[in-house]
Amino acid sequence: MNRIDLFLSEREVARVCRAIRESGAPGYSVMRHVTGMGVGGAIDEAMDFSGLGANAHVIVFCEPELLPKLRSLVGPLMRRYGGVGFVSQAEPF
């Protein structure tokens, strides 16, 4: 099973989640108001509170066969609106 972690602007969550559903993925989880530091620099609490720079973390678990379709639908959105994504292997607990 694959685990996909997407970090993107909160403004784009609805678009990305729609694409995830269209891909046939069985589900996803969304965590809003994600702060931290990455390649773009730090997101501090003041930026998060103001709505400037507010990010979300979307997690998707799917079978490997679904990954190409998921990438073809979500990838263009991530490239257009910004964000990063990572794929890793996951085992059920």
C-alpha atoms as a PDB file:
ATOM      1  CA  MET A   1       0.000   0.000   0.000  1.00  0.00           C
ATOM      2  CA  ASN A   2       1.146   3.572  -0.715  1.00  0.00           C
ATOM      3  CA  ARG A   3       0.927   6.543   1.606  1.00  0.00           C
ATOM      4  CA  ILE A   4       0.769   9.935  -0.080  1.00  0.00           C
ATOM      5  CA  ASP A   5       1.483  13.053   1.989  1.00  0.00           C
ATOM      6  CA  LEU A   6       0.506  16.350   0.375  1.00  0.00           C
ATOM      7  CA  PHE A   7       1.378  19.753   1.848  1.00  0.00           C
ATOM      8  CA  LEU A   8      -0.480  22.632   0.210  1.00  0.00           C
ATOM      9  CA  SER A   9      -2.251  25.910   0.788  1.00  0.00           C
ATOM     10  CA  GLU A  10      -5.518  25.582   2.681  1.00  0.00           C
ATOM     11  CA  ARG A  11      -7.184  27.525  -0.152  1.00  0.00           C
ATOM     12  CA  GLU A  12      -6.605  24.577  -2.515  1.00  0.00           C
ATOM     13  CA  VAL A  13      -7.778  21.741  -0.247  1.00  0.00           C
ATOM     14  CA  ALA A  14     -11.231  21.446  -1.862  1.00  0.00           C
ATOM     15  CA  ARG A  15      -9.741  21.196  -5.388  1.00  0.00           C
ATOM     16  CA  VAL A  16      -7.187  18.602  -4.360  1.00  0.00           C
ATOM     17  CA  CYS A  17      -9.723  16.518  -2.394  1.00  0.00           C
ATOM     18  CA  ARG A  18     -12.072  16.556  -5.390  1.00  0.00           C
ATOM     19  CA  ALA A  19      -9.247  15.204  -7.580  1.00  0.00           C
ATOM     20  CA  ILE A  20      -8.466  12.536  -4.966  1.00  0.00           C
ATOM     21  CA  ARG A  21     -12.102  11.386  -5.015  1.00  0.00           C
ATOM     22  CA  GLU A  22     -12.113  11.390  -8.845  1.00  0.00           C
ATOM     23  CA  SER A  23      -9.027   9.157  -8.821  1.00  0.00           C
ATOM     24  CA  GLY A  24     -10.963   6.447  -7.011  1.00  0.00           C
ATOM     25  CA  ALA A  25      -8.904   6.617  -3.816  1.00  0.00           C
ATOM     26  CA  PRO A  26     -10.779   5.025  -0.912  1.00  0.00           C
ATOM     27  CA  GLY A  27     -10.408   8.098   1.310  1.00  0.00           C
ATOM     28  CA  TYR A  28      -8.153  10.779   2.717  1.00  0.00           C
ATOM     29  CA  SER A  29      -7.482  12.779   5.888  1.00  0.00           C
ATOM     30  CA  VAL A  30      -7.012  16.553   6.060  1.00  0.00           C
ATOM     31  CA  MET A  31      -5.199  18.431   8.808  1.00  0.00           C
ATOM     32  CA  ARG A  32      -5.554  22.191   8.556  1.00  0.00           C
ATOM     33  CA  HIS A  33      -3.425  24.986  10.022  1.00  0.00           C
ATOM     34  CA  VAL A  34      -0.152  23.125   9.544  1.00  0.00           C
ATOM     35  CA  THR A  35       2.873  25.192  10.524  1.00  0.00           C
ATOM     36  CA  GLY A  36       6.560  24.464  10.327  1.00  0.00           C
ATOM     37  CA  MET A  37       9.575  25.109   8.152  1.00  0.00           C
ATOM     38  CA  GLY A  38      10.364  23.824   4.683  1.00  0.00           C
ATOM     39  CA  VAL A  39      12.070  24.938   1.501  1.00  0.00           C
ATOM     40  CA  GLY A  40       9.883  28.050   1.379  1.00  0.00           C
ATOM     41  CA  GLY A  41      10.957  29.113   4.865  1.00  0.00           C
ATOM     42  CA  ALA A  42       9.137  29.080   8.169  1.00  0.00           C
ATOM     43  CA  ILE A  43       5.406  29.513   8.697  1.00  0.00           C
ATOM     44  CA  ASP A  44       5.025  31.173  12.074  1.00  0.00           C
ATOM     45  CA  GLU A  45       1.911  31.433  14.223  1.00  0.00           C
ATOM     46  CA  ALA A  46       1.255  35.062  13.187  1.00  0.00           C
ATOM     47  CA  MET A  47       1.088  34.068   9.514  1.00  0.00           C
ATOM     48  CA  ASP A  48      -1.167  31.135  10.343  1.00  0.00           C
ATOM     49  CA  PHE A  49      -3.546  33.312  12.391  1.00  0.00           C
ATOM     50  CA  SER A  50      -3.808  35.950   9.672  1.00  0.00           C
ATOM     51  CA  GLY A  51      -4.539  33.340   7.015  1.00  0.00           C
ATOM     52  CA  LEU A  52      -1.416  34.275   5.078  1.00  0.00           C
ATOM     53  CA  GLY A  53       0.558  31.124   4.510  1.00  0.00           C
ATOM     54  CA  ALA A  54      -1.966  28.791   6.155  1.00  0.00           C
ATOM     55  CA  ASN A  55      -1.175  25.261   4.994  1.00  0.00           C
ATOM     56  CA  ALA A  56      -2.856  21.876   5.129  1.00  0.00           C
ATOM     57  CA  HIS A  57      -1.573  18.294   5.203  1.00  0.00           C
ATOM     58  CA  VAL A  58      -3.582  15.755   3.211  1.00  0.00           C
ATOM     59  CA  ILE A  59      -2.860  12.041   3.687  1.00  0.00           C
ATOM     60  CA  VAL A  60      -4.066   9.396   1.233  1.00  0.00           C
ATOM     61  CA  PHE A  61      -3.622   5.626   1.435  1.00  0.00           C
ATOM     62  CA  CYS A  62      -4.143   3.655  -1.775  1.00  0.00           C
ATOM     63  CA  GLU A  63      -3.054   0.565  -3.633  1.00  0.00           C
ATOM     64  CA  PRO A  64      -0.040   1.012  -5.948  1.00  0.00           C
ATOM     65  CA  GLU A  65      -2.172   0.545  -9.083  1.00  0.00           C
ATOM     66  CA  LEU A  66      -4.073   3.748  -8.259  1.00  0.00           C
ATOM     67  CA  LEU A  67      -0.958   5.927  -7.930  1.00  0.00           C
ATOM     68  CA  PRO A  68      -0.600   6.846 -11.654  1.00  0.00           C
ATOM     69  CA  LYS A  69      -4.206   8.087 -11.856  1.00  0.00           C
ATOM     70  CA  LEU A  70      -3.864   9.963  -8.573  1.00  0.00           C
ATOM     71  CA  ARG A  71      -0.667  11.620  -9.801  1.00  0.00           C
ATOM     72  CA  SER A  72      -2.260  12.575 -13.130  1.00  0.00           C
ATOM     73  CA  LEU A  73      -5.173  14.329 -11.374  1.00  0.00           C
ATOM     74  CA  VAL A  74      -3.475  15.849  -8.324  1.00  0.00           C
ATOM     75  CA  GLY A  75      -0.042  16.586  -9.831  1.00  0.00           C
ATOM     76  CA  PRO A  76      -1.192  19.406 -12.145  1.00  0.00           C
ATOM     77  CA  LEU A  77      -3.009  21.109  -9.257  1.00  0.00           C
ATOM     78  CA  MET A  78       0.082  20.937  -7.056  1.00  0.00           C
ATOM     79  CA  ARG A  79       2.240  22.355  -9.846  1.00  0.00           C
ATOM     80  CA  ARG A  80      -0.233  25.146 -10.599  1.00  0.00           C
ATOM     81  CA  TYR A  81      -1.102  26.212  -7.056  1.00  0.00           C
ATOM     82  CA  GLY A  82       2.040  25.131  -5.219  1.00  0.00           C
ATOM     83  CA  GLY A  83       2.710  22.492  -2.637  1.00  0.00           C
ATOM     84  CA  VAL A  84       4.757  19.352  -2.273  1.00  0.00           C
ATOM     85  CA  GLY A  85       3.893  15.678  -2.173  1.00  0.00           C
ATOM     86  CA  PHE A  86       5.653  12.510  -1.096  1.00  0.00           C
ATOM     87  CA  VAL A  87       4.911   8.836  -1.687  1.00  0.00           C
ATOM     88  CA  SER A  88       6.026   6.130   0.711  1.00  0.00           C
ATOM     89  CA  GLN A  89       5.232   2.503   1.428  1.00  0.00           C
ATOM     90  CA  ALA A  90       2.827   1.731   4.267  1.00  0.00           C
ATOM     91  CA  GLU A  91       1.813  -1.424   6.082  1.00  0.00           C
ATOM     92  CA  PRO A  92      -1.480  -1.843   7.924  1.00  0.00           C
ATOM     93  CA  PHE A  93      -1.002  -1.709  11.678  1.00  0.00           C
END
